[in-house]
Amino acid sequence: MSLIPEVIDDRKLWVIISSRKKECEEKELEIIKPLVEKLNERWFEKGSFIWTGAFDDDKTSMSIFEATREKAEKYFEDFCKVCVNSLDNSLYQWDALPLFTILERIQGKI
């Protein structure tokens, strides 16, 4: 068995939910924003995707990305180091890959 299918099979969707700490001021978020963007750029350069967005409450955001468990935990660790004083973060595995595969196929046909 080749290594490539094993790596692909090990990749899962992951979600990071971030909530703004009560004591966090807007200027703190402005400081960490370019650091998180740089972290995400490095992720893209490695051929991975990440989608991030804020919820309407201006306190909570979500990031979705695909990775092996090891890489997801490493990304989460790096992300938390950047945001430790400003955001509370949680990492979850999300088993929605078939939905995204279907959406990707539909989008390709439109």
Protein backbone atom coordinates (compact mmCIF):
# COMPACT_ATOMS: atom_id res chain seq x y z
CA MET A 1 0.00 0.00 0.00
CA SER A 2 1.40 3.40 -0.95
CA LEU A 3 1.89 6.19 1.55
CA ILE A 4 -0.28 8.75 -0.29
CA PRO A 5 -3.66 7.01 0.24
CA GLU A 6 -2.80 6.50 3.91
CA VAL A 7 -2.10 10.20 4.36
CA ILE A 8 -5.28 11.18 2.53
CA ASP A 9 -7.32 8.71 4.56
CA ASP A 10 -5.90 10.16 7.80
CA ARG A 11 -6.97 13.70 6.95
CA LYS A 12 -10.11 14.91 8.69
CA LEU A 13 -11.96 18.18 9.00
CA TRP A 14 -11.23 20.15 12.15
CA VAL A 15 -12.96 23.13 13.69
CA ILE A 16 -11.57 25.74 16.03
CA ILE A 17 -14.13 27.76 17.94
CA SER A 18 -12.71 30.96 19.40
CA SER A 19 -14.42 33.22 21.90
CA ARG A 20 -13.19 36.64 22.89
CA LYS A 21 -12.15 36.84 26.53
CA LYS A 22 -14.12 39.38 28.57
CA GLU A 23 -11.01 41.38 29.41
CA CYS A 24 -9.83 41.45 25.79
CA GLU A 25 -9.91 44.88 24.20
CA GLU A 26 -10.36 45.60 20.51
CA LYS A 27 -6.77 46.84 20.19
CA GLU A 28 -5.52 43.42 21.34
CA LEU A 29 -7.43 41.78 18.51
CA GLU A 30 -5.86 44.21 16.05
CA ILE A 31 -2.41 43.15 17.30
CA ILE A 32 -3.02 39.40 16.89
CA LYS A 33 -4.88 39.66 13.57
CA PRO A 34 -1.72 39.91 11.38
CA LEU A 35 -0.10 37.09 13.37
CA VAL A 36 -3.06 34.78 12.71
CA GLU A 37 -3.08 35.82 9.04
CA LYS A 38 0.62 34.90 8.78
CA LEU A 39 -0.06 31.54 10.43
CA ASN A 40 -2.83 30.89 7.89
CA GLU A 41 -0.60 31.95 4.98
CA ARG A 42 1.97 29.36 6.03
CA TRP A 43 -0.83 26.79 6.16
CA PHE A 44 -1.91 27.69 2.59
CA GLU A 45 1.69 27.50 1.36
CA LYS A 46 1.79 23.86 2.48
CA GLY A 47 -1.19 23.10 0.23
CA SER A 48 -3.86 23.03 2.93
CA PHE A 49 -7.02 25.08 3.12
CA ILE A 50 -8.54 26.98 5.97
CA TRP A 51 -11.79 28.87 6.16
CA THR A 52 -12.35 31.38 8.94
CA GLY A 53 -15.22 33.63 9.80
CA ALA A 54 -16.77 35.55 12.64
CA PHE A 55 -20.26 35.09 14.00
CA ASP A 56 -22.67 38.02 14.28
CA ASP A 57 -22.04 38.43 18.00
CA ASP A 58 -18.56 39.96 17.40
CA LYS A 59 -17.24 37.67 20.15
CA THR A 60 -17.06 34.24 18.53
CA SER A 61 -15.40 32.92 15.38
CA MET A 62 -14.86 29.59 13.68
CA SER A 63 -12.05 28.16 11.57
CA ILE A 64 -12.42 25.00 9.51
CA PHE A 65 -9.45 23.15 8.06
CA GLU A 66 -8.41 19.73 6.86
CA ALA A 67 -5.42 17.90 8.36
CA THR A 68 -4.17 14.78 10.03
CA ARG A 69 -4.63 14.69 13.80
CA GLU A 70 -0.95 15.49 14.36
CA LYS A 71 -0.98 18.51 12.03
CA ALA A 72 -4.30 19.75 13.42
CA GLU A 73 -2.97 19.62 16.96
CA LYS A 74 0.22 21.43 15.88
CA TYR A 75 -1.76 24.15 14.10
CA PHE A 76 -4.03 24.51 17.12
CA GLU A 77 -1.02 24.79 19.44
CA ASP A 78 0.52 27.52 17.25
CA PHE A 79 -2.83 29.31 16.98
CA CYS A 80 -3.33 29.26 20.75
CA LYS A 81 0.14 30.68 21.35
CA VAL A 82 -0.78 33.70 19.24
CA CYS A 83 -4.18 34.20 20.90
CA VAL A 84 -3.52 33.06 24.48
CA ASN A 85 -4.26 36.44 26.09
CA SER A 86 -7.20 37.38 23.88
CA LEU A 87 -9.22 34.30 22.93
CA ASP A 88 -10.48 31.08 24.47
CA ASN A 89 -10.09 28.34 21.86
CA SER A 90 -11.41 24.82 21.43
CA LEU A 91 -10.48 22.25 18.78
CA TYR A 92 -13.02 19.72 17.50
CA GLN A 93 -12.96 17.06 14.82
CA TRP A 94 -15.80 17.53 12.38
CA ASP A 95 -16.95 14.52 10.38
CA ALA A 96 -18.65 16.54 7.65
CA LEU A 97 -16.24 15.73 4.83
CA PRO A 98 -18.85 13.99 2.64
CA LEU A 99 -20.95 17.17 2.68
CA PHE A 100 -17.99 19.28 1.58
CA THR A 101 -17.09 16.76 -1.12
CA ILE A 102 -20.64 16.96 -2.51
CA LEU A 103 -20.62 20.77 -2.38
CA GLU A 104 -17.26 20.88 -4.12
CA ARG A 105 -18.54 18.64 -6.92
CA ILE A 106 -21.70 20.72 -7.33
CA GLN A 107 -19.69 23.94 -7.41
CA GLY A 108 -17.45 22.50 -10.11
CA LYS A 109 -20.48 21.89 -12.34
CA ILE A 110 -22.00 25.34 -11.95
